[in-house]
Every structure is written in C-alpha cells, then in structure tokens.
Amino acid sequence: MDPRPAVAASQTRSPIRHRGLLLTATAVTAVVFGIRYQAASMRTNELNQRARAPYHVTVDRSGGGI
C-alpha cells in the first residue's frame, strides 16, 4: 500500500494554465510600451530642437542628407 494519499492530476499542475499566453502577452506589452517610449522621446527631442534659435530640423525630416 502506498502511504501517500491519491492526488488528482489537476492539483499537481501549475496554477498558471496558459503560461505561453501570459509570456506572449507580457512580451507584446513590453514591446508596445518600448515603441511608445521611443516615439515620445523622438517627438520631445524634435520639439526641443525646433524651439531653439536656429530652428534646426533633423536630416531625416528635412529631406536632405547624405
């Protein structure tokens, strides 16, 4: 006889059923927030450059460059 009580299979599994979905959602959320942060940073830099005396416009927005 086995001294341990019988444990149902559902009780031995991880409490997080959809671990892959959770990881994917977390990764997508991190990427979205990273992109939004980068866009806000670029916009802030662009506005700061335009507010200065020579009214500098970055090369990628001016159409010029190498």
N, C-alpha and C. Protein backbone atom coordinates (compact mmCIF):
# COMPACT_ATOMS: atom_id res chain seq x y z
N MET A 1 0.84 -1.18 0.00
CA MET A 1 0.00 0.00 0.00
C MET A 1 0.88 1.25 0.00
N ASP A 2 0.39 2.22 -0.68
CA ASP A 2 1.09 3.49 -0.78
C ASP A 2 0.62 4.40 0.36
N PRO A 3 1.54 4.89 1.20
CA PRO A 3 1.13 5.72 2.34
C PRO A 3 0.67 7.13 1.92
N ARG A 4 1.04 7.55 0.72
CA ARG A 4 0.64 8.89 0.28
C ARG A 4 -0.80 8.87 -0.23
N PRO A 5 -1.56 9.91 0.04
CA PRO A 5 -2.93 9.96 -0.47
C PRO A 5 -2.92 10.23 -1.97
N ALA A 6 -3.94 9.78 -2.63
CA ALA A 6 -4.06 9.99 -4.08
C ALA A 6 -4.31 11.47 -4.35
N VAL A 7 -3.56 12.02 -5.30
CA VAL A 7 -3.70 13.43 -5.66
C VAL A 7 -4.19 13.48 -7.10
N ALA A 8 -5.21 14.27 -7.32
CA ALA A 8 -5.76 14.41 -8.67
C ALA A 8 -4.73 15.10 -9.56
N ALA A 9 -4.76 14.78 -10.85
CA ALA A 9 -3.80 15.36 -11.79
C ALA A 9 -3.97 16.87 -11.90
N SER A 10 -5.18 17.37 -11.74
CA SER A 10 -5.40 18.81 -11.86
C SER A 10 -4.77 19.57 -10.71
N GLN A 11 -4.53 18.93 -9.59
CA GLN A 11 -3.93 19.60 -8.44
C GLN A 11 -2.42 19.67 -8.53
N THR A 12 -1.81 18.84 -9.34
CA THR A 12 -0.36 18.83 -9.44
C THR A 12 0.15 19.79 -10.51
N ARG A 13 -0.72 20.27 -11.38
CA ARG A 13 -0.30 21.19 -12.44
C ARG A 13 -0.07 22.58 -11.89
N SER A 14 0.63 23.36 -12.65
CA SER A 14 0.92 24.74 -12.26
C SER A 14 -0.38 25.53 -12.17
N PRO A 15 -0.46 26.47 -11.25
CA PRO A 15 -1.67 27.27 -11.15
C PRO A 15 -1.89 28.17 -12.36
N ILE A 16 -0.85 28.42 -13.14
CA ILE A 16 -0.98 29.22 -14.36
C ILE A 16 -1.20 28.25 -15.51
N ARG A 17 -2.40 28.22 -16.04
CA ARG A 17 -2.72 27.26 -17.09
C ARG A 17 -2.13 27.65 -18.44
N HIS A 18 -2.20 28.90 -18.77
CA HIS A 18 -1.76 29.35 -20.09
C HIS A 18 -0.47 30.17 -19.95
N ARG A 19 0.57 29.49 -19.57
CA ARG A 19 1.85 30.15 -19.33
C ARG A 19 2.39 30.80 -20.60
N GLY A 20 2.27 30.11 -21.73
CA GLY A 20 2.74 30.66 -23.00
C GLY A 20 1.99 31.92 -23.39
N LEU A 21 0.69 31.91 -23.18
CA LEU A 21 -0.12 33.09 -23.49
C LEU A 21 0.27 34.26 -22.59
N LEU A 22 0.52 33.98 -21.33
CA LEU A 22 0.93 35.03 -20.40
C LEU A 22 2.28 35.62 -20.81
N LEU A 23 3.22 34.77 -21.17
CA LEU A 23 4.54 35.25 -21.59
C LEU A 23 4.45 36.06 -22.88
N THR A 24 3.63 35.60 -23.82
CA THR A 24 3.46 36.31 -25.08
C THR A 24 2.82 37.68 -24.84
N ALA A 25 1.79 37.71 -24.02
CA ALA A 25 1.13 38.98 -23.72
C ALA A 25 2.08 39.95 -23.02
N THR A 26 2.90 39.45 -22.12
CA THR A 26 3.87 40.29 -21.43
C THR A 26 4.91 40.85 -22.41
N ALA A 27 5.38 40.00 -23.31
CA ALA A 27 6.38 40.44 -24.29
C ALA A 27 5.79 41.48 -25.24
N VAL A 28 4.57 41.25 -25.70
CA VAL A 28 3.92 42.21 -26.61
C VAL A 28 3.71 43.54 -25.90
N THR A 29 3.28 43.49 -24.66
CA THR A 29 3.07 44.72 -23.89
C THR A 29 4.37 45.49 -23.72
N ALA A 30 5.45 44.78 -23.44
CA ALA A 30 6.76 45.43 -23.28
C ALA A 30 7.21 46.08 -24.58
N VAL A 31 7.00 45.40 -25.70
CA VAL A 31 7.39 45.95 -27.00
C VAL A 31 6.57 47.20 -27.31
N VAL A 32 5.27 47.14 -27.07
CA VAL A 32 4.40 48.30 -27.35
C VAL A 32 4.82 49.50 -26.51
N PHE A 33 5.06 49.28 -25.22
CA PHE A 33 5.48 50.39 -24.37
C PHE A 33 6.86 50.90 -24.77
N GLY A 34 7.74 50.03 -25.21
CA GLY A 34 9.05 50.46 -25.68
C GLY A 34 8.96 51.33 -26.91
N ILE A 35 8.10 50.95 -27.85
CA ILE A 35 7.91 51.73 -29.07
C ILE A 35 7.29 53.09 -28.74
N ARG A 36 6.32 53.09 -27.86
CA ARG A 36 5.68 54.36 -27.48
C ARG A 36 6.67 55.28 -26.76
N TYR A 37 7.51 54.70 -25.91
CA TYR A 37 8.53 55.50 -25.22
C TYR A 37 9.51 56.11 -26.22
N GLN A 38 9.94 55.30 -27.18
CA GLN A 38 10.89 55.79 -28.19
C GLN A 38 10.26 56.89 -29.03
N ALA A 39 9.00 56.74 -29.42
CA ALA A 39 8.31 57.75 -30.21
C ALA A 39 8.16 59.05 -29.42
N ALA A 40 7.81 58.94 -28.16
CA ALA A 40 7.67 60.13 -27.32
C ALA A 40 9.02 60.83 -27.14
N SER A 41 10.07 60.05 -26.99
CA SER A 41 11.40 60.62 -26.84
C SER A 41 11.83 61.36 -28.11
N MET A 42 11.59 60.75 -29.26
CA MET A 42 11.94 61.40 -30.53
C MET A 42 11.13 62.68 -30.72
N ARG A 43 9.86 62.63 -30.37
CA ARG A 43 9.00 63.81 -30.51
C ARG A 43 9.47 64.93 -29.59
N THR A 44 9.81 64.60 -28.37
CA THR A 44 10.31 65.60 -27.43
C THR A 44 11.61 66.22 -27.93
N ASN A 45 12.51 65.41 -28.43
CA ASN A 45 13.78 65.92 -28.97
C ASN A 45 13.53 66.83 -30.17
N GLU A 46 12.61 66.42 -31.04
CA GLU A 46 12.29 67.22 -32.22
C GLU A 46 11.73 68.59 -31.82
N LEU A 47 10.82 68.59 -30.85
CA LEU A 47 10.23 69.85 -30.39
C LEU A 47 11.27 70.73 -29.72
N ASN A 48 12.17 70.14 -28.96
CA ASN A 48 13.24 70.91 -28.32
C ASN A 48 14.17 71.53 -29.35
N GLN A 49 14.48 70.79 -30.41
CA GLN A 49 15.36 71.32 -31.45
C GLN A 49 14.68 72.45 -32.22
N ARG A 50 13.40 72.33 -32.47
CA ARG A 50 12.68 73.39 -33.20
C ARG A 50 12.54 74.65 -32.37
N ALA A 51 12.50 74.52 -31.06
CA ALA A 51 12.30 75.67 -30.19
C ALA A 51 13.57 76.51 -30.03
N ARG A 52 14.71 75.98 -30.41
CA ARG A 52 15.96 76.73 -30.28
C ARG A 52 16.04 77.83 -31.34
N ALA A 53 17.01 78.71 -31.18
CA ALA A 53 17.16 79.88 -32.04
C ALA A 53 17.33 79.56 -33.52
N PRO A 54 18.21 78.66 -33.94
CA PRO A 54 18.37 78.45 -35.39
C PRO A 54 17.26 77.60 -36.01
N TYR A 55 16.31 77.14 -35.22
CA TYR A 55 15.19 76.33 -35.73
C TYR A 55 15.68 75.15 -36.56
N HIS A 56 16.49 74.36 -35.94
CA HIS A 56 17.10 73.19 -36.59
C HIS A 56 16.05 72.11 -36.83
N VAL A 57 16.08 71.53 -38.04
CA VAL A 57 15.22 70.39 -38.36
C VAL A 57 16.15 69.22 -38.66
N THR A 58 15.87 68.06 -38.10
CA THR A 58 16.75 66.91 -38.30
C THR A 58 16.80 66.52 -39.77
N VAL A 59 17.88 65.84 -40.14
CA VAL A 59 18.12 65.49 -41.54
C VAL A 59 17.03 64.58 -42.08
N ASP A 60 16.59 63.62 -41.30
CA ASP A 60 15.59 62.68 -41.81
C ASP A 60 14.25 63.37 -42.05
N ARG A 61 13.99 64.51 -41.43
CA ARG A 61 12.74 65.23 -41.65
C ARG A 61 12.89 66.33 -42.71
N SER A 62 14.11 66.77 -42.98
CA SER A 62 14.31 67.88 -43.90
C SER A 62 14.38 67.43 -45.35
N GLY A 63 14.59 66.14 -45.57
CA GLY A 63 14.68 65.64 -46.94
C GLY A 63 16.09 65.68 -47.49
N GLY A 64 17.03 66.22 -46.76
CA GLY A 64 18.41 66.30 -47.22
C GLY A 64 19.25 65.20 -46.61
N GLY A 65 20.50 65.33 -46.74
CA GLY A 65 21.39 64.37 -46.11
C GLY A 65 22.27 63.67 -47.12
N ILE A 66 23.03 62.75 -46.64
CA ILE A 66 23.98 62.03 -47.49
C ILE A 66 23.26 60.91 -48.20
